[in-house]
N, C-alpha and C. Protein backbone atom coordinates (compact mmCIF):
# COMPACT_ATOMS: atom_id res chain seq x y z
N UNK A 1 -3.70 145.86 12.04
CA UNK A 1 -3.30 144.25 12.17
C UNK A 1 -2.80 142.91 12.58
N UNK A 2 -1.97 143.61 13.36
CA UNK A 2 -1.84 142.10 14.87
C UNK A 2 -2.36 141.08 14.16
N UNK A 3 -3.89 141.45 14.88
CA UNK A 3 -5.65 140.58 14.31
C UNK A 3 -5.62 139.45 13.36
N UNK A 4 -5.11 140.23 11.96
CA UNK A 4 -5.46 139.82 10.39
C UNK A 4 -4.21 138.87 10.91
N UNK A 5 -2.66 139.38 10.66
CA UNK A 5 -2.36 137.99 10.56
C UNK A 5 -2.45 137.03 12.01
N UNK A 6 -2.63 137.28 13.23
CA UNK A 6 -2.81 136.11 13.59
C UNK A 6 -3.79 134.91 13.00
N UNK A 7 -5.43 135.62 13.03
CA UNK A 7 -6.39 135.11 11.69
C UNK A 7 -5.57 134.10 10.64
N UNK A 8 -5.25 134.49 9.98
CA UNK A 8 -4.21 133.91 9.10
C UNK A 8 -3.28 132.86 8.90
N UNK A 9 -2.44 132.92 10.82
CA UNK A 9 -1.98 131.45 11.24
C UNK A 9 -2.08 130.47 11.45
N UNK A 10 -3.57 131.23 11.97
CA UNK A 10 -4.70 130.08 12.97
C UNK A 10 -5.16 129.34 11.43
N UNK A 11 -5.69 130.11 10.12
CA UNK A 11 -6.30 129.75 9.53
C UNK A 11 -5.66 127.92 9.12
N UNK A 12 -4.04 128.76 8.59
CA UNK A 12 -2.73 128.00 7.75
C UNK A 12 -2.67 126.63 9.37
N UNK A 13 -3.09 126.55 9.76
CA UNK A 13 -2.66 125.24 10.41
C UNK A 13 -3.71 124.96 10.52
N UNK A 14 -5.28 125.61 10.49
CA UNK A 14 -6.28 124.82 10.37
C UNK A 14 -6.11 123.70 9.16
N UNK A 15 -6.29 124.01 8.31
CA UNK A 15 -5.80 124.00 6.29
C UNK A 15 -4.75 122.94 6.78
N UNK A 16 -3.52 122.98 7.49
CA UNK A 16 -2.72 121.80 7.06
C UNK A 16 -2.72 120.77 7.73
N UNK A 17 -3.73 121.09 9.46
CA UNK A 17 -3.90 119.48 9.56
C UNK A 17 -5.07 118.61 8.63
N UNK A 18 -5.76 119.87 8.66
CA UNK A 18 -6.28 118.89 7.65
C UNK A 18 -6.35 118.36 6.59
N UNK A 19 -5.83 118.76 5.66
CA UNK A 19 -4.52 118.54 4.94
C UNK A 19 -3.87 116.95 5.02
N UNK A 20 -3.17 117.29 6.30
CA UNK A 20 -2.14 116.31 6.55
C UNK A 20 -3.21 114.58 6.90
N UNK A 21 -4.59 115.34 7.39
CA UNK A 21 -5.39 114.14 7.53
C UNK A 21 -5.70 113.07 6.52
N UNK A 22 -6.21 114.24 5.61
CA UNK A 22 -7.19 114.03 4.51
C UNK A 22 -5.63 112.42 3.69
N UNK A 23 -5.53 113.29 3.57
CA UNK A 23 -3.60 112.77 2.90
C UNK A 23 -3.38 111.35 3.84
N UNK A 24 -3.21 110.77 5.19
CA UNK A 24 -3.32 109.64 5.74
C UNK A 24 -4.61 108.92 5.95
N UNK A 25 -5.34 109.54 5.26
CA UNK A 25 -6.66 108.77 4.87
C UNK A 25 -6.26 108.40 3.15
N UNK A 26 -6.21 109.12 2.68
CA UNK A 26 -6.52 108.01 1.07
C UNK A 26 -4.93 107.52 1.09
N UNK A 27 -4.14 107.12 1.98
CA UNK A 27 -2.54 106.16 2.30
C UNK A 27 -3.05 104.88 2.10
N UNK A 28 -2.67 103.70 1.09
CA UNK A 28 -2.66 102.55 1.00
C UNK A 28 -1.95 101.90 2.42
N UNK A 29 -2.36 101.22 2.67
CA UNK A 29 -2.01 100.25 4.07
C UNK A 29 -2.68 99.09 3.76
N UNK A 30 -1.01 98.31 4.08
CA UNK A 30 -1.07 97.21 4.07
C UNK A 30 -2.03 96.17 4.32
N UNK A 31 -1.94 95.22 4.15
CA UNK A 31 -3.47 94.06 4.27
C UNK A 31 -3.27 93.57 5.76
N UNK A 32 -3.66 93.46 6.61
CA UNK A 32 -3.69 93.81 8.24
C UNK A 32 -2.92 92.05 8.14
N UNK A 33 -2.46 91.82 9.26
CA UNK A 33 -1.10 90.44 9.73
C UNK A 33 -2.40 89.58 11.22
N UNK A 34 -2.44 88.86 10.71
CA UNK A 34 -2.81 88.45 12.01
C UNK A 34 -1.55 88.88 13.72
N UNK A 35 -2.61 90.08 14.71
CA UNK A 35 -0.61 89.70 16.08
C UNK A 35 -1.32 89.55 16.71
N UNK A 36 -0.51 88.81 17.51
CA UNK A 36 -1.48 87.44 18.02
C UNK A 36 -2.05 88.32 19.38
N UNK A 37 -2.51 89.39 20.30
CA UNK A 37 -2.41 90.48 21.42
C UNK A 37 -1.91 89.89 22.82
N UNK A 38 -1.58 88.97 22.84
CA UNK A 38 -1.22 88.57 24.10
C UNK A 38 0.33 88.12 24.17
N UNK A 39 0.82 89.27 22.99
CA UNK A 39 2.35 88.68 23.19
C UNK A 39 2.96 89.90 22.14
N UNK A 40 1.80 91.34 21.80
CA UNK A 40 2.29 92.00 21.59
C UNK A 40 2.48 92.11 20.18
N UNK A 41 4.02 92.57 19.96
CA UNK A 41 4.59 92.33 19.22
C UNK A 41 5.19 91.40 19.09
N UNK A 42 6.04 90.75 19.31
CA UNK A 42 7.24 89.56 20.01
C UNK A 42 6.52 88.14 18.13
N UNK A 43 5.14 87.80 18.47
CA UNK A 43 4.29 87.71 17.50
C UNK A 43 3.18 88.00 16.41
N UNK A 44 3.48 87.03 15.19
CA UNK A 44 2.48 87.27 14.21
C UNK A 44 2.38 86.57 13.51
N UNK A 45 0.94 86.13 12.97
CA UNK A 45 0.77 84.46 12.99
C UNK A 45 -0.26 85.25 11.45
N UNK A 46 0.72 84.49 10.23
CA UNK A 46 -0.49 84.47 9.35
C UNK A 46 -1.49 83.52 8.66
N UNK A 47 -1.52 82.61 9.84
CA UNK A 47 -2.37 81.47 9.42
C UNK A 47 -1.98 80.25 9.59
N UNK A 48 -3.17 80.29 10.71
CA UNK A 48 -4.01 80.20 10.07
C UNK A 48 -5.03 81.19 11.32
N UNK A 49 -5.74 81.93 10.99
CA UNK A 49 -6.35 83.24 11.37
C UNK A 49 -7.57 82.85 12.62
N UNK A 50 -7.42 83.17 13.65
CA UNK A 50 -8.24 83.48 14.79
C UNK A 50 -9.94 82.53 14.01
N UNK A 51 -10.47 81.19 14.87
CA UNK A 51 -11.21 80.47 14.66
C UNK A 51 -11.16 80.21 13.97
N UNK A 52 -10.48 80.06 12.70
CA UNK A 52 -10.52 79.73 11.52
C UNK A 52 -10.40 77.35 11.49
N UNK A 53 -11.60 77.41 10.62
CA UNK A 53 -12.05 75.89 10.45
C UNK A 53 -10.77 75.54 10.03
N UNK A 54 -9.69 74.44 10.81
CA UNK A 54 -8.72 73.73 10.33
C UNK A 54 -9.37 72.23 10.26
N UNK A 55 -8.46 71.90 8.92
CA UNK A 55 -8.02 70.04 9.02
C UNK A 55 -6.33 69.86 8.97
N UNK A 56 -6.61 68.19 8.66
CA UNK A 56 -4.99 68.08 8.57
C UNK A 56 -4.50 67.52 7.48
N UNK A 57 -3.55 67.76 7.11
CA UNK A 57 -2.56 68.33 8.03
C UNK A 57 -2.83 69.87 7.62
N UNK A 58 -2.18 70.52 8.56
CA UNK A 58 -2.49 72.60 9.37
C UNK A 58 -0.95 72.38 8.43
N UNK A 59 -0.70 73.89 7.89
CA UNK A 59 -0.09 74.13 7.91
C UNK A 59 0.53 75.45 8.44
N UNK A 60 0.90 75.79 9.11
CA UNK A 60 0.72 76.71 9.76
C UNK A 60 2.38 77.85 9.73
N UNK A 61 1.74 79.02 9.69
CA UNK A 61 2.72 80.27 8.92
C UNK A 61 2.80 81.82 10.08
N UNK A 62 3.63 82.81 9.18
CA UNK A 62 4.04 83.67 10.15
C UNK A 62 4.98 83.98 10.81
N UNK A 63 6.01 85.64 11.16
CA UNK A 63 6.58 85.92 12.10
C UNK A 63 6.73 85.95 13.88
N UNK A 64 7.53 85.62 13.99
CA UNK A 64 8.47 85.41 15.07
C UNK A 64 10.19 86.22 15.63
N UNK A 65 10.02 87.06 16.04
CA UNK A 65 10.87 87.89 17.65
C UNK A 65 12.32 86.60 16.79
N UNK A 66 12.86 86.75 16.60
CA UNK A 66 14.16 85.48 16.66
C UNK A 66 14.25 85.01 18.57
N UNK A 67 14.36 85.70 19.46
CA UNK A 67 14.04 85.55 20.69
C UNK A 67 13.20 84.53 20.78
N UNK A 68 12.01 83.97 19.79
CA UNK A 68 11.91 82.76 20.23
C UNK A 68 12.25 81.50 19.81
N UNK A 69 13.00 81.56 19.19
CA UNK A 69 13.66 80.84 18.51
C UNK A 69 14.87 79.92 20.14
N UNK A 70 15.16 78.98 19.31
CA UNK A 70 16.62 77.56 20.10
C UNK A 70 16.65 77.14 19.07
N UNK A 71 18.36 77.63 18.37
CA UNK A 71 18.65 76.53 17.03
C UNK A 71 17.03 77.12 15.53
N UNK A 72 17.39 77.24 16.25
CA UNK A 72 16.49 78.03 15.01
C UNK A 72 14.74 77.11 14.99
N UNK A 73 14.15 76.96 16.48
CA UNK A 73 12.54 76.07 16.29
C UNK A 73 12.66 77.41 17.36
N UNK A 74 10.91 76.31 17.60
CA UNK A 74 9.81 76.72 18.73
C UNK A 74 8.38 75.39 18.49
N UNK A 75 8.41 75.14 19.61
CA UNK A 75 7.53 74.12 20.31
C UNK A 75 5.87 74.69 19.19
N UNK A 76 5.56 74.34 18.43
CA UNK A 76 3.82 73.93 17.78
C UNK A 76 3.21 72.92 18.45
N UNK A 77 2.08 73.23 18.83
CA UNK A 77 1.18 72.55 19.04
C UNK A 77 -0.43 72.20 18.97
N UNK A 78 -1.35 70.96 18.96
CA UNK A 78 -2.22 71.51 18.84
C UNK A 78 -3.80 71.23 20.06
N UNK A 79 -4.32 71.58 21.14
CA UNK A 79 -4.57 71.79 22.34
C UNK A 79 -6.41 71.03 21.49
N UNK A 80 -7.31 70.35 22.29
CA UNK A 80 -8.58 70.34 22.12
C UNK A 80 -9.42 71.66 23.57
N UNK A 81 -10.63 71.82 23.55
CA UNK A 81 -11.12 72.96 24.06
C UNK A 81 -10.84 72.81 25.02
N UNK A 82 -10.40 71.57 25.93
CA UNK A 82 -10.77 71.73 27.68
C UNK A 82 -8.41 71.84 27.27
N UNK A 83 -7.92 71.93 27.22
CA UNK A 83 -6.47 72.12 26.66
C UNK A 83 -5.76 70.53 27.35
N UNK A 84 -6.83 69.78 26.26
CA UNK A 84 -6.21 68.01 26.47
C UNK A 84 -4.93 68.95 25.05
N UNK A 85 -4.10 67.73 24.76
CA UNK A 85 -3.02 67.25 24.20
C UNK A 85 -3.98 66.58 22.85
N UNK A 86 -3.69 67.09 22.00
CA UNK A 86 -4.63 65.84 20.55
C UNK A 86 -3.34 64.69 19.91
N UNK A 87 -3.94 63.80 19.67
CA UNK A 87 -3.05 62.98 18.95
C UNK A 87 -2.77 63.04 17.56
N UNK A 88 -1.59 62.76 17.44
CA UNK A 88 -1.37 63.26 15.85
C UNK A 88 -1.66 61.77 14.78
N UNK A 89 -2.09 61.65 13.38
CA UNK A 89 -2.26 61.70 12.43
C UNK A 89 -2.34 60.17 12.38
N UNK A 90 -1.16 59.72 13.09
CA UNK A 90 -0.93 58.25 13.61
C UNK A 90 -1.66 57.23 14.56
N UNK A 91 -2.19 58.64 15.14
CA UNK A 91 -2.94 57.88 16.62
C UNK A 91 -2.13 57.64 18.33
N UNK A 92 -0.65 58.24 17.71
CA UNK A 92 0.46 57.96 18.47
C UNK A 92 0.91 58.70 19.19
N UNK A 93 1.34 59.86 18.63
CA UNK A 93 1.73 60.70 19.93
C UNK A 93 1.48 62.19 20.25
N UNK A 94 1.63 63.09 20.16
CA UNK A 94 0.75 64.72 20.23
C UNK A 94 1.11 65.17 19.05
N UNK A 95 0.08 66.02 18.01
CA UNK A 95 -0.14 66.54 17.79
C UNK A 95 1.35 68.17 18.29
N UNK A 96 2.62 67.55 18.31
CA UNK A 96 3.25 69.21 18.27
C UNK A 96 4.93 68.60 16.90
N UNK A 97 4.91 69.95 16.73
CA UNK A 97 6.32 70.00 15.58
C UNK A 97 7.25 71.56 15.80
N UNK A 98 8.27 71.16 15.95
CA UNK A 98 8.80 72.03 15.35
C UNK A 98 8.78 73.35 14.43
N UNK A 99 8.19 74.58 14.69
CA UNK A 99 8.47 76.09 13.63
C UNK A 99 9.75 76.35 13.41
N UNK A 100 10.35 75.67 11.63
CA UNK A 100 11.17 76.18 11.92
C UNK A 100 11.76 77.69 11.19
N UNK A 101 12.43 78.20 11.34
CA UNK A 101 13.20 79.56 10.87
C UNK A 101 13.19 79.79 9.39
N UNK A 102 12.61 80.77 8.73
CA UNK A 102 12.64 80.74 7.19
C UNK A 102 14.05 81.48 7.22
N UNK A 103 15.32 81.79 8.13
CA UNK A 103 16.29 83.07 7.53
C UNK A 103 16.29 83.20 8.62
N UNK A 104 17.96 83.72 9.09
CA UNK A 104 18.63 84.02 10.56
C UNK A 104 17.26 84.22 11.45
N UNK A 105 17.60 83.33 12.34
CA UNK A 105 16.58 83.21 13.66
C UNK A 105 17.71 84.17 14.78
N UNK A 106 18.63 84.37 14.37
CA UNK A 106 20.20 85.58 15.37
C UNK A 106 19.67 86.55 15.95
N UNK A 107 18.69 86.68 16.05
CA UNK A 107 18.65 88.31 15.80
C UNK A 107 17.75 88.40 17.06
N UNK A 108 16.50 89.36 16.80
CA UNK A 108 16.04 90.11 17.98
C UNK A 108 14.66 90.38 17.12
N UNK A 109 15.38 90.73 15.33
CA UNK A 109 14.16 91.11 15.09
C UNK A 109 12.98 89.68 14.15
N UNK A 110 12.06 90.18 13.33
CA UNK A 110 10.78 89.49 12.79
C UNK A 110 11.12 88.25 12.23
N UNK A 111 10.90 87.37 12.25
CA UNK A 111 12.41 85.78 11.32
C UNK A 111 10.73 85.20 11.41
N UNK A 112 10.25 85.34 9.53
CA UNK A 112 9.42 83.73 9.22
C UNK A 112 9.51 82.62 10.01
N UNK A 113 8.49 81.79 9.32
CA UNK A 113 8.60 80.89 10.55
C UNK A 113 7.80 80.18 9.81
N UNK A 114 7.20 78.16 9.50
CA UNK A 114 6.21 77.43 8.62
C UNK A 114 6.50 75.93 9.71
N UNK A 115 5.69 76.01 10.25
CA UNK A 115 5.49 74.20 10.38
C UNK A 115 4.03 73.48 9.98
N UNK A 116 4.25 71.94 9.82
CA UNK A 116 3.31 71.84 9.54
C UNK A 116 2.83 70.52 10.66
N UNK A 117 1.02 70.61 10.95
CA UNK A 117 0.53 70.11 11.81
C UNK A 117 0.00 68.23 11.30
N UNK A 118 -0.19 67.38 11.64
CA UNK A 118 -0.54 66.13 10.91
C UNK A 118 -1.30 66.09 12.16
N UNK A 119 -2.60 66.10 12.60
CA UNK A 119 -3.83 65.53 13.47
C UNK A 119 -4.90 64.62 13.39
N UNK A 120 -5.75 63.74 14.82
CA UNK A 120 -6.96 63.49 14.05
C UNK A 120 -7.70 64.23 15.14
N UNK A 121 -8.65 65.32 14.37
CA UNK A 121 -9.53 65.82 15.27
C UNK A 121 -10.02 64.74 15.98
N UNK A 122 -10.26 66.49 17.31
CA UNK A 122 -10.35 65.88 18.41
C UNK A 122 -12.00 65.97 18.88
N UNK A 123 -12.92 65.10 19.86
CA UNK A 123 -13.81 64.55 20.20
C UNK A 123 -14.62 66.32 20.07
N UNK A 124 -14.00 67.70 20.55
CA UNK A 124 -14.62 68.98 20.77
C UNK A 124 -14.17 69.58 18.89
N UNK A 125 -14.91 70.31 19.51
CA UNK A 125 -15.47 71.35 18.02
C UNK A 125 -14.49 72.01 17.97
N UNK A 126 -14.51 71.88 18.94
CA UNK A 126 -13.25 73.32 19.13
C UNK A 126 -11.23 73.93 19.50
N UNK A 127 -10.82 74.11 19.78
CA UNK A 127 -9.75 73.81 19.87
C UNK A 127 -8.70 74.65 19.81
N UNK A 128 -7.09 74.78 20.88
CA UNK A 128 -6.26 75.89 19.96
C UNK A 128 -4.98 74.84 19.72
N UNK A 129 -4.73 76.41 19.43
CA UNK A 129 -2.92 76.02 18.05
C UNK A 129 -2.02 77.04 18.94
N UNK A 130 -0.84 76.33 19.05
CA UNK A 130 -0.45 77.20 20.38
C UNK A 130 1.44 77.26 20.10
N UNK A 131 1.99 78.24 20.47
CA UNK A 131 3.11 78.27 20.62
C UNK A 131 4.06 78.62 21.03
N UNK A 132 4.86 77.88 21.54
CA UNK A 132 5.13 78.77 22.85
C UNK A 132 6.95 78.80 22.61
N UNK A 133 7.02 79.81 23.20
CA UNK A 133 8.44 80.26 22.98
C UNK A 133 9.62 79.55 23.72
N UNK A 134 10.74 78.34 22.69
CA UNK A 134 11.58 77.71 23.33
C UNK A 134 12.18 78.32 24.05
N UNK A 135 12.27 77.68 25.36
CA UNK A 135 13.22 78.36 26.78
C UNK A 135 13.99 77.16 26.78
N UNK A 136 15.07 76.55 26.01
CA UNK A 136 16.23 75.98 26.48
C UNK A 136 16.67 75.51 27.94
N UNK A 137 16.34 77.54 29.08
CA UNK A 137 16.88 77.31 30.20
C UNK A 137 16.19 76.55 30.76
N UNK A 138 14.06 76.46 30.51
CA UNK A 138 13.74 75.64 32.05
C UNK A 138 12.92 76.57 32.75
N UNK A 139 13.86 78.09 31.60
CA UNK A 139 13.34 78.54 34.14
C UNK A 139 12.04 79.04 34.03
N UNK A 140 10.78 79.41 34.85
CA UNK A 140 9.55 80.35 33.95
C UNK A 140 9.11 81.81 34.09
N UNK A 141 10.78 82.62 33.85
CA UNK A 141 10.79 83.30 34.14
C UNK A 141 11.02 83.84 32.37
N UNK A 142 11.18 83.14 31.23
CA UNK A 142 11.70 82.52 30.41
C UNK A 142 10.65 82.23 29.47
N UNK A 143 9.51 81.87 30.39
CA UNK A 143 7.79 80.50 29.55
C UNK A 143 7.72 82.19 29.06
N UNK A 144 6.36 81.39 27.51
CA UNK A 144 5.46 82.42 26.77
C UNK A 144 5.56 81.98 25.55
N UNK A 145 4.36 82.05 25.74
CA UNK A 145 3.25 81.32 24.92
C UNK A 145 1.60 81.82 23.81
N UNK A 146 1.76 81.70 22.98
CA UNK A 146 0.89 81.94 22.02
C UNK A 146 -0.46 81.09 22.07
N UNK A 147 -1.92 81.10 22.61
CA UNK A 147 -2.66 80.87 22.17
C UNK A 147 -3.90 80.50 20.84
N UNK A 148 -4.22 80.43 19.91
CA UNK A 148 -5.12 80.73 19.15
C UNK A 148 -5.90 80.00 19.15
N UNK A 149 -7.10 80.25 18.93
CA UNK A 149 -8.08 79.36 19.07
C UNK A 149 -8.38 78.97 17.55
N UNK A 150 -9.07 77.78 17.78
CA UNK A 150 -9.26 76.74 15.73
C UNK A 150 -10.70 76.37 16.35
N UNK A 151 -11.52 75.84 14.81
CA UNK A 151 -12.04 75.16 15.00
C UNK A 151 -11.89 73.45 14.36
N UNK A 152 -12.73 72.97 15.07
CA UNK A 152 -12.09 71.40 13.52
C UNK A 152 -13.33 71.17 13.13
N UNK A 153 -14.46 71.88 13.31
CA UNK A 153 -15.68 71.27 12.06
C UNK A 153 -16.22 72.70 12.17
């Protein structure tokens, strides 16, 4: 009698696990967001995707933890394949703009951002979109950045 009860318990456990595994496989999952691995859960870039072909003007969207912002913004810039700065569309200044928070930024939660860069395509076919944690202290231990590879051609 005891053996039969043990076998019934084992069967119930196995079927229960199979049922929950089947249910999880059928669950609807939201569309993936490009989570930048180098910063783990601090930055989620929605657009552009890594290795995307970009043109000017480039609109960058995503979410960053509130700790990345200072006064509701953080720097975004474009670099060529050699990590040299790219000029803006006027050819006078570096293609660098502040990403602006689209919500309350004084939080540790994710806050949506948007930035638009006007730029002159560099001589290289590829480059990097760089999102930098705003660091008004200037202390190197508070520096952080995310580089997303992009294509110009």
